[in-house]
């Protein structure tokens, strides 16, 4: 892991950092990133797609015979149709 020092730059009342293009490419960053604070560290990572990896997990479950439906067939609700992100 390469460590480098970067300067904080003023952005209004906040501060920011400039990420080198090589770091952006290496990390797979797009226009948005996820940020969280862990203790005294700021962790940045690419935004993951909603339900990223579910297809692989479902395939593994099916291969293991563990893909039985846990709920009875239930009709869709207005929340399912209007709010759920497919």
PDB file of N, CA and C in Angstrom:
ATOM      1  N   UNK A   1       0.848  -1.176   0.000  1.00  0.00           N
ATOM      2  CA  UNK A   1       0.000   0.000   0.000  1.00  0.00           C
ATOM      3  C   UNK A   1       0.889   1.232   0.000  1.00  0.00           C
ATOM      4  N   UNK A   2       0.620   2.118  -0.922  1.00  0.00           N
ATOM      5  CA  UNK A   2       1.376   3.358  -1.048  1.00  0.00           C
ATOM      6  C   UNK A   2       0.759   4.416  -0.146  1.00  0.00           C
ATOM      7  N   UNK A   3       1.565   5.060   0.676  1.00  0.00           N
ATOM      8  CA  UNK A   3       1.091   6.159   1.521  1.00  0.00           C
ATOM      9  C   UNK A   3       1.609   7.465   0.940  1.00  0.00           C
ATOM     10  N   UNK A   4       0.760   8.479   0.956  1.00  0.00           N
ATOM     11  CA  UNK A   4       1.175   9.790   0.469  1.00  0.00           C
ATOM     12  C   UNK A   4       0.524  10.857   1.325  1.00  0.00           C
ATOM     13  N   UNK A   5       1.157  11.999   1.385  1.00  0.00           N
ATOM     14  CA  UNK A   5       0.591  13.136   2.099  1.00  0.00           C
ATOM     15  C   UNK A   5      -0.089  14.031   1.085  1.00  0.00           C
ATOM     16  N   UNK A   6      -1.282  14.503   1.440  1.00  0.00           N
ATOM     17  CA  UNK A   6      -2.001  15.452   0.592  1.00  0.00           C
ATOM     18  C   UNK A   6      -2.431  16.625   1.459  1.00  0.00           C
ATOM     19  N   UNK A   7      -2.582  17.769   0.848  1.00  0.00           N
ATOM     20  CA  UNK A   7      -2.989  18.970   1.571  1.00  0.00           C
ATOM     21  C   UNK A   7      -4.501  19.101   1.582  1.00  0.00           C
ATOM     22  N   UNK A   8      -5.041  19.589   2.699  1.00  0.00           N
ATOM     23  CA  UNK A   8      -6.449  19.951   2.763  1.00  0.00           C
ATOM     24  C   UNK A   8      -6.617  21.294   2.076  1.00  0.00           C
ATOM     25  N   UNK A   9      -7.661  21.418   1.269  1.00  0.00           N
ATOM     26  CA  UNK A   9      -7.937  22.675   0.582  1.00  0.00           C
ATOM     27  C   UNK A   9      -9.279  23.215   1.063  1.00  0.00           C
ATOM     28  N   UNK A  10      -9.376  24.533   1.169  1.00  0.00           N
ATOM     29  CA  UNK A  10     -10.613  25.162   1.622  1.00  0.00           C
ATOM     30  C   UNK A  10     -11.676  25.059   0.533  1.00  0.00           C
ATOM     31  N   UNK A  11     -12.877  24.640   0.943  1.00  0.00           N
ATOM     32  CA  UNK A  11     -14.044  24.592   0.061  1.00  0.00           C
ATOM     33  C   UNK A  11     -15.185  25.207   0.865  1.00  0.00           C
ATOM     34  N   UNK A  12     -15.355  26.516   0.762  1.00  0.00           N
ATOM     35  CA  UNK A  12     -16.331  27.210   1.601  1.00  0.00           C
ATOM     36  C   UNK A  12     -15.914  27.090   3.059  1.00  0.00           C
ATOM     37  N   UNK A  13     -16.843  26.650   3.903  1.00  0.00           N
ATOM     38  CA  UNK A  13     -16.543  26.442   5.317  1.00  0.00           C
ATOM     39  C   UNK A  13     -15.974  25.053   5.586  1.00  0.00           C
ATOM     40  N   UNK A  14     -15.837  24.249   4.547  1.00  0.00           N
ATOM     41  CA  UNK A  14     -15.350  22.879   4.691  1.00  0.00           C
ATOM     42  C   UNK A  14     -13.932  22.768   4.166  1.00  0.00           C
ATOM     43  N   UNK A  15     -13.411  21.577   4.194  1.00  0.00           N
ATOM     44  CA  UNK A  15     -12.094  21.277   3.627  1.00  0.00           C
ATOM     45  C   UNK A  15     -12.240  20.061   2.727  1.00  0.00           C
ATOM     46  N   UNK A  16     -11.351  19.940   1.783  1.00  0.00           N
ATOM     47  CA  UNK A  16     -11.375  18.803   0.874  1.00  0.00           C
ATOM     48  C   UNK A  16      -9.968  18.371   0.536  1.00  0.00           C
ATOM     49  N   UNK A  17      -9.874  17.265  -0.183  1.00  0.00           N
ATOM     50  CA  UNK A  17      -8.578  16.797  -0.680  1.00  0.00           C
ATOM     51  C   UNK A  17      -8.711  16.555  -2.177  1.00  0.00           C
ATOM     52  N   UNK A  18      -7.596  16.645  -2.856  1.00  0.00           N
ATOM     53  CA  UNK A  18      -7.549  16.307  -4.279  1.00  0.00           C
ATOM     54  C   UNK A  18      -6.992  14.897  -4.386  1.00  0.00           C
ATOM     55  N   UNK A  19      -7.734  14.041  -5.069  1.00  0.00           N
ATOM     56  CA  UNK A  19      -7.274  12.673  -5.273  1.00  0.00           C
ATOM     57  C   UNK A  19      -6.585  12.585  -6.628  1.00  0.00           C
ATOM     58  N   UNK A  20      -5.368  12.067  -6.670  1.00  0.00           N
ATOM     59  CA  UNK A  20      -4.688  11.903  -7.955  1.00  0.00           C
ATOM     60  C   UNK A  20      -5.484  10.970  -8.875  1.00  0.00           C
ATOM     61  N   UNK A  21      -5.416  11.230 -10.169  1.00  0.00           N
ATOM     62  CA  UNK A  21      -6.141  10.420 -11.146  1.00  0.00           C
ATOM     63  C   UNK A  21      -5.783   8.946 -11.024  1.00  0.00           C
ATOM     64  N   UNK A  22      -4.528   8.651 -10.720  1.00  0.00           N
ATOM     65  CA  UNK A  22      -4.112   7.249 -10.594  1.00  0.00           C
ATOM     66  C   UNK A  22      -4.823   6.559  -9.431  1.00  0.00           C
ATOM     67  N   UNK A  23      -5.061   7.288  -8.342  1.00  0.00           N
ATOM     68  CA  UNK A  23      -5.771   6.725  -7.189  1.00  0.00           C
ATOM     69  C   UNK A  23      -7.239   6.507  -7.543  1.00  0.00           C
ATOM     70  N   UNK A  24      -7.835   7.470  -8.224  1.00  0.00           N
ATOM     71  CA  UNK A  24      -9.233   7.350  -8.639  1.00  0.00           C
ATOM     72  C   UNK A  24      -9.414   6.122  -9.522  1.00  0.00           C
ATOM     73  N   UNK A  25      -8.503   5.938 -10.464  1.00  0.00           N
ATOM     74  CA  UNK A  25      -8.584   4.790 -11.368  1.00  0.00           C
ATOM     75  C   UNK A  25      -8.359   3.488 -10.611  1.00  0.00           C
ATOM     76  N   UNK A  26      -7.336   3.434  -9.776  1.00  0.00           N
ATOM     77  CA  UNK A  26      -7.005   2.218  -9.030  1.00  0.00           C
ATOM     78  C   UNK A  26      -8.162   1.788  -8.129  1.00  0.00           C
ATOM     79  N   UNK A  27      -8.852   2.754  -7.528  1.00  0.00           N
ATOM     80  CA  UNK A  27      -9.949   2.447  -6.600  1.00  0.00           C
ATOM     81  C   UNK A  27     -11.279   2.226  -7.313  1.00  0.00           C
ATOM     82  N   UNK A  28     -11.342   2.542  -8.594  1.00  0.00           N
ATOM     83  CA  UNK A  28     -12.586   2.372  -9.337  1.00  0.00           C
ATOM     84  C   UNK A  28     -13.649   3.388  -8.967  1.00  0.00           C
ATOM     85  N   UNK A  29     -13.225   4.603  -8.598  1.00  0.00           N
ATOM     86  CA  UNK A  29     -14.168   5.648  -8.217  1.00  0.00           C
ATOM     87  C   UNK A  29     -14.858   6.210  -9.450  1.00  0.00           C
ATOM     88  N   UNK A  30     -16.148   6.492  -9.313  1.00  0.00           N
ATOM     89  CA  UNK A  30     -16.916   7.175 -10.347  1.00  0.00           C
ATOM     90  C   UNK A  30     -17.173   8.601  -9.895  1.00  0.00           C
ATOM     91  N   UNK A  31     -18.368   9.097 -10.200  1.00  0.00           N
ATOM     92  CA  UNK A  31     -18.719  10.466  -9.813  1.00  0.00           C
ATOM     93  C   UNK A  31     -19.068  10.588  -8.337  1.00  0.00           C
ATOM     94  N   UNK A  32     -19.424   9.483  -7.696  1.00  0.00           N
ATOM     95  CA  UNK A  32     -19.727   9.482  -6.268  1.00  0.00           C
ATOM     96  C   UNK A  32     -18.913   8.393  -5.591  1.00  0.00           C
ATOM     97  N   UNK A  33     -18.614   8.616  -4.308  1.00  0.00           N
ATOM     98  CA  UNK A  33     -17.944   7.599  -3.503  1.00  0.00           C
ATOM     99  C   UNK A  33     -18.655   7.514  -2.164  1.00  0.00           C
ATOM    100  N   UNK A  34     -18.491   6.385  -1.489  1.00  0.00           N
ATOM    101  CA  UNK A  34     -19.004   6.240  -0.132  1.00  0.00           C
ATOM    102  C   UNK A  34     -17.889   6.619   0.829  1.00  0.00           C
ATOM    103  N   UNK A  35     -18.250   7.331   1.889  1.00  0.00           N
ATOM    104  CA  UNK A  35     -17.272   7.757   2.881  1.00  0.00           C
ATOM    105  C   UNK A  35     -17.789   7.386   4.262  1.00  0.00           C
ATOM    106  N   UNK A  36     -16.892   6.849   5.096  1.00  0.00           N
ATOM    107  CA  UNK A  36     -17.249   6.580   6.485  1.00  0.00           C
ATOM    108  C   UNK A  36     -16.033   6.867   7.349  1.00  0.00           C
ATOM    109  N   UNK A  37     -16.283   7.102   8.613  1.00  0.00           N
ATOM    110  CA  UNK A  37     -15.212   7.366   9.566  1.00  0.00           C
ATOM    111  C   UNK A  37     -15.087   6.144  10.463  1.00  0.00           C
ATOM    112  N   UNK A  38     -13.879   5.614  10.571  1.00  0.00           N
ATOM    113  CA  UNK A  38     -13.580   4.483  11.448  1.00  0.00           C
ATOM    114  C   UNK A  38     -12.492   4.933  12.411  1.00  0.00           C
ATOM    115  N   UNK A  39     -12.900   5.279  13.622  1.00  0.00           N
ATOM    116  CA  UNK A  39     -11.938   5.797  14.590  1.00  0.00           C
ATOM    117  C   UNK A  39     -11.389   7.121  14.101  1.00  0.00           C
ATOM    118  N   UNK A  40     -10.068   7.172  13.894  1.00  0.00           N
ATOM    119  CA  UNK A  40      -9.448   8.404  13.398  1.00  0.00           C
ATOM    120  C   UNK A  40      -9.124   8.322  11.909  1.00  0.00           C
ATOM    121  N   UNK A  41      -9.776   7.407  11.196  1.00  0.00           N
ATOM    122  CA  UNK A  41      -9.518   7.224   9.763  1.00  0.00           C
ATOM    123  C   UNK A  41     -10.773   7.544   8.954  1.00  0.00           C
ATOM    124  N   UNK A  42     -10.558   8.104   7.784  1.00  0.00           N
ATOM    125  CA  UNK A  42     -11.628   8.309   6.820  1.00  0.00           C
ATOM    126  C   UNK A  42     -11.450   7.246   5.749  1.00  0.00           C
ATOM    127  N   UNK A  43     -12.492   6.461   5.509  1.00  0.00           N
ATOM    128  CA  UNK A  43     -12.430   5.372   4.533  1.00  0.00           C
ATOM    129  C   UNK A  43     -13.304   5.747   3.343  1.00  0.00           C
ATOM    130  N   UNK A  44     -12.721   5.716   2.157  1.00  0.00           N
ATOM    131  CA  UNK A  44     -13.431   6.008   0.915  1.00  0.00           C
ATOM    132  C   UNK A  44     -13.502   4.732   0.099  1.00  0.00           C
ATOM    133  N   UNK A  45     -14.656   4.480  -0.516  1.00  0.00           N
ATOM    134  CA  UNK A  45     -14.772   3.322  -1.397  1.00  0.00           C
ATOM    135  C   UNK A  45     -15.781   3.623  -2.489  1.00  0.00           C
ATOM    136  N   UNK A  46     -15.704   2.882  -3.606  1.00  0.00           N
ATOM    137  CA  UNK A  46     -16.653   3.130  -4.689  1.00  0.00           C
ATOM    138  C   UNK A  46     -18.080   2.867  -4.221  1.00  0.00           C
ATOM    139  N   UNK A  47     -19.021   3.588  -4.801  1.00  0.00           N
ATOM    140  CA  UNK A  47     -20.432   3.336  -4.529  1.00  0.00           C
ATOM    141  C   UNK A  47     -20.781   2.007  -5.181  1.00  0.00           C
ATOM    142  N   UNK A  48     -21.363   1.134  -4.409  1.00  0.00           N
ATOM    143  CA  UNK A  48     -21.781  -0.169  -4.931  1.00  0.00           C
ATOM    144  C   UNK A  48     -23.210  -0.061  -5.454  1.00  0.00           C
ATOM    145  N   UNK A  49     -23.498  -0.824  -6.492  1.00  0.00           N
ATOM    146  CA  UNK A  49     -24.854  -0.855  -7.009  1.00  0.00           C
ATOM    147  C   UNK A  49     -25.765  -1.496  -5.967  1.00  0.00           C
ATOM    148  N   UNK A  50     -27.025  -1.084  -5.988  1.00  0.00           N
ATOM    149  CA  UNK A  50     -28.007  -1.668  -5.088  1.00  0.00           C
ATOM    150  C   UNK A  50     -28.051  -3.175  -5.333  1.00  0.00           C
ATOM    151  N   UNK A  51     -27.979  -3.948  -4.272  1.00  0.00           N
ATOM    152  CA  UNK A  51     -28.010  -5.415  -4.327  1.00  0.00           C
ATOM    153  C   UNK A  51     -26.853  -5.988  -5.147  1.00  0.00           C
ATOM    154  N   UNK A  52     -25.719  -5.300  -5.132  1.00  0.00           N
ATOM    155  CA  UNK A  52     -24.523  -5.774  -5.826  1.00  0.00           C
ATOM    156  C   UNK A  52     -24.120  -7.133  -5.266  1.00  0.00           C
ATOM    157  N   UNK A  53     -23.905  -8.090  -6.126  1.00  0.00           N
ATOM    158  CA  UNK A  53     -23.470  -9.419  -5.706  1.00  0.00           C
ATOM    159  C   UNK A  53     -24.595 -10.385  -5.389  1.00  0.00           C
ATOM    160  N   UNK A  54     -25.829  -9.907  -5.416  1.00  0.00           N
ATOM    161  CA  UNK A  54     -26.945 -10.797  -5.100  1.00  0.00           C
ATOM    162  C   UNK A  54     -27.055 -11.928  -6.117  1.00  0.00           C
ATOM    163  N   UNK A  55     -26.779 -11.650  -7.392  1.00  0.00           N
ATOM    164  CA  UNK A  55     -26.911 -12.697  -8.402  1.00  0.00           C
ATOM    165  C   UNK A  55     -25.958 -13.851  -8.125  1.00  0.00           C
ATOM    166  N   UNK A  56     -24.720 -13.543  -7.737  1.00  0.00           N
ATOM    167  CA  UNK A  56     -23.762 -14.600  -7.410  1.00  0.00           C
ATOM    168  C   UNK A  56     -24.184 -15.353  -6.153  1.00  0.00           C
ATOM    169  N   UNK A  57     -24.675 -14.623  -5.160  1.00  0.00           N
ATOM    170  CA  UNK A  57     -25.111 -15.264  -3.914  1.00  0.00           C
ATOM    171  C   UNK A  57     -26.295 -16.190  -4.179  1.00  0.00           C
ATOM    172  N   UNK A  58     -27.229 -15.764  -5.010  1.00  0.00           N
ATOM    173  CA  UNK A  58     -28.382 -16.606  -5.335  1.00  0.00           C
ATOM    174  C   UNK A  58     -27.953 -17.846  -6.107  1.00  0.00           C
ATOM    175  N   UNK A  59     -26.989 -17.688  -7.000  1.00  0.00           N
ATOM    176  CA  UNK A  59     -26.487 -18.845  -7.746  1.00  0.00           C
ATOM    177  C   UNK A  59     -25.832 -19.853  -6.806  1.00  0.00           C
ATOM    178  N   UNK A  60     -25.073 -19.357  -5.819  1.00  0.00           N
ATOM    179  CA  UNK A  60     -24.454 -20.267  -4.845  1.00  0.00           C
ATOM    180  C   UNK A  60     -25.519 -20.971  -4.007  1.00  0.00           C
ATOM    181  N   UNK A  61     -26.556 -20.227  -3.620  1.00  0.00           N
ATOM    182  CA  UNK A  61     -27.644 -20.839  -2.849  1.00  0.00           C
ATOM    183  C   UNK A  61     -28.350 -21.916  -3.667  1.00  0.00           C
ATOM    184  N   UNK A  62     -28.608 -21.631  -4.943  1.00  0.00           N
ATOM    185  CA  UNK A  62     -29.279 -22.607  -5.796  1.00  0.00           C
ATOM    186  C   UNK A  62     -28.423 -23.853  -5.965  1.00  0.00           C
ATOM    187  N   UNK A  63     -27.123 -23.667  -6.156  1.00  0.00           N
ATOM    188  CA  UNK A  63     -26.219 -24.811  -6.309  1.00  0.00           C
ATOM    189  C   UNK A  63     -26.185 -25.665  -5.048  1.00  0.00           C
ATOM    190  N   UNK A  64     -26.371 -25.024  -3.894  1.00  0.00           N
ATOM    191  CA  UNK A  64     -26.353 -25.751  -2.620  1.00  0.00           C
ATOM    192  C   UNK A  64     -27.747 -26.256  -2.241  1.00  0.00           C
ATOM    193  N   UNK A  65     -28.756 -25.994  -3.084  1.00  0.00           N
ATOM    194  CA  UNK A  65     -30.115 -26.418  -2.779  1.00  0.00           C
ATOM    195  C   UNK A  65     -30.751 -25.622  -1.657  1.00  0.00           C
ATOM    196  N   UNK A  66     -30.249 -24.429  -1.426  1.00  0.00           N
ATOM    197  CA  UNK A  66     -30.728 -23.600  -0.322  1.00  0.00           C
ATOM    198  C   UNK A  66     -31.479 -22.380  -0.844  1.00  0.00           C
ATOM    199  N   UNK A  67     -32.256 -22.574  -1.896  1.00  0.00           N
ATOM    200  CA  UNK A  67     -32.939 -21.433  -2.497  1.00  0.00           C
ATOM    201  C   UNK A  67     -34.459 -21.534  -2.391  1.00  0.00           C
ATOM    202  N   UNK A  68     -34.947 -22.252  -1.391  1.00  0.00           N
ATOM    203  CA  UNK A  68     -36.387 -22.360  -1.190  1.00  0.00           C
ATOM    204  C   UNK A  68     -36.943 -21.005  -0.765  1.00  0.00           C
ATOM    205  N   UNK A  69     -38.144 -20.720  -1.191  1.00  0.00           N
ATOM    206  CA  UNK A  69     -38.796 -19.473  -0.810  1.00  0.00           C
ATOM    207  C   UNK A  69     -39.146 -19.522   0.664  1.00  0.00           C
ATOM    208  N   UNK A  70     -38.794 -18.492   1.395  1.00  0.00           N
ATOM    209  CA  UNK A  70     -39.065 -18.454   2.825  1.00  0.00           C
ATOM    210  C   UNK A  70     -40.456 -17.917   3.133  1.00  0.00           C
ATOM    211  N   UNK A  71     -41.019 -17.169   2.229  1.00  0.00           N
ATOM    212  CA  UNK A  71     -42.354 -16.610   2.427  1.00  0.00           C
ATOM    213  C   UNK A  71     -43.311 -17.238   1.429  1.00  0.00           C
ATOM    214  N   UNK A  72     -44.554 -17.385   1.850  1.00  0.00           N
ATOM    215  CA  UNK A  72     -45.569 -17.841   0.907  1.00  0.00           C
ATOM    216  C   UNK A  72     -45.687 -16.809  -0.200  1.00  0.00           C
ATOM    217  N   UNK A  73     -46.221 -17.236  -1.314  1.00  0.00           N
ATOM    218  CA  UNK A  73     -46.450 -16.264  -2.384  1.00  0.00           C
ATOM    219  C   UNK A  73     -47.417 -15.213  -1.875  1.00  0.00           C
ATOM    220  N   UNK A  74     -46.970 -13.985  -1.876  1.00  0.00           N
ATOM    221  CA  UNK A  74     -47.780 -12.885  -1.369  1.00  0.00           C
ATOM    222  C   UNK A  74     -47.990 -11.892  -2.498  1.00  0.00           C
ATOM    223  N   UNK A  75     -49.180 -11.319  -2.578  1.00  0.00           N
ATOM    224  CA  UNK A  75     -49.404 -10.319  -3.634  1.00  0.00           C
ATOM    225  C   UNK A  75     -48.553  -9.075  -3.379  1.00  0.00           C
ATOM    226  N   UNK A  76     -48.187  -8.426  -4.455  1.00  0.00           N
ATOM    227  CA  UNK A  76     -47.397  -7.196  -4.338  1.00  0.00           C
ATOM    228  C   UNK A  76     -48.243  -6.110  -3.686  1.00  0.00           C
ATOM    229  N   UNK A  77     -47.586  -5.286  -2.907  1.00  0.00           N
ATOM    230  CA  UNK A  77     -48.264  -4.152  -2.274  1.00  0.00           C
ATOM    231  C   UNK A  77     -47.938  -2.888  -3.055  1.00  0.00           C
ATOM    232  N   UNK A  78     -48.592  -1.790  -2.709  1.00  0.00           N
ATOM    233  CA  UNK A  78     -48.279  -0.528  -3.378  1.00  0.00           C
ATOM    234  C   UNK A  78     -46.836  -0.130  -3.105  1.00  0.00           C
ATOM    235  N   UNK A  79     -46.314  -0.479  -1.911  1.00  0.00           N
ATOM    236  CA  UNK A  79     -44.909  -0.185  -1.602  1.00  0.00           C
ATOM    237  C   UNK A  79     -43.993  -0.942  -2.556  1.00  0.00           C
ATOM    238  N   UNK A  80     -44.321  -2.221  -2.806  1.00  0.00           N
ATOM    239  CA  UNK A  80     -43.511  -3.013  -3.736  1.00  0.00           C
ATOM    240  C   UNK A  80     -43.476  -2.368  -5.117  1.00  0.00           C
ATOM    241  N   UNK A  81     -44.628  -1.891  -5.557  1.00  0.00           N
ATOM    242  CA  UNK A  81     -44.726  -1.332  -6.904  1.00  0.00           C
ATOM    243  C   UNK A  81     -44.158   0.075  -7.018  1.00  0.00           C
ATOM    244  N   UNK A  82     -44.284   0.884  -5.954  1.00  0.00           N
ATOM    245  CA  UNK A  82     -43.936   2.299  -6.058  1.00  0.00           C
ATOM    246  C   UNK A  82     -42.615   2.675  -5.394  1.00  0.00           C
ATOM    247  N   UNK A  83     -42.234   1.985  -4.328  1.00  0.00           N
ATOM    248  CA  UNK A  83     -41.073   2.401  -3.543  1.00  0.00           C
ATOM    249  C   UNK A  83     -39.836   1.532  -3.763  1.00  0.00           C
ATOM    250  N   UNK A  84     -40.023   0.254  -3.974  1.00  0.00           N
ATOM    251  CA  UNK A  84     -38.904  -0.669  -4.087  1.00  0.00           C
ATOM    252  C   UNK A  84     -38.076  -0.335  -5.311  1.00  0.00           C
ATOM    253  N   UNK A  85     -36.764  -0.301  -5.157  1.00  0.00           N
ATOM    254  CA  UNK A  85     -35.877   0.014  -6.278  1.00  0.00           C
ATOM    255  C   UNK A  85     -35.431  -1.280  -6.929  1.00  0.00           C
ATOM    256  N   UNK A  86     -35.906  -1.518  -8.162  1.00  0.00           N
ATOM    257  CA  UNK A  86     -35.594  -2.760  -8.868  1.00  0.00           C
ATOM    258  C   UNK A  86     -34.354  -2.638  -9.664  1.00  0.00           C
TER     259      UNK A  86
END
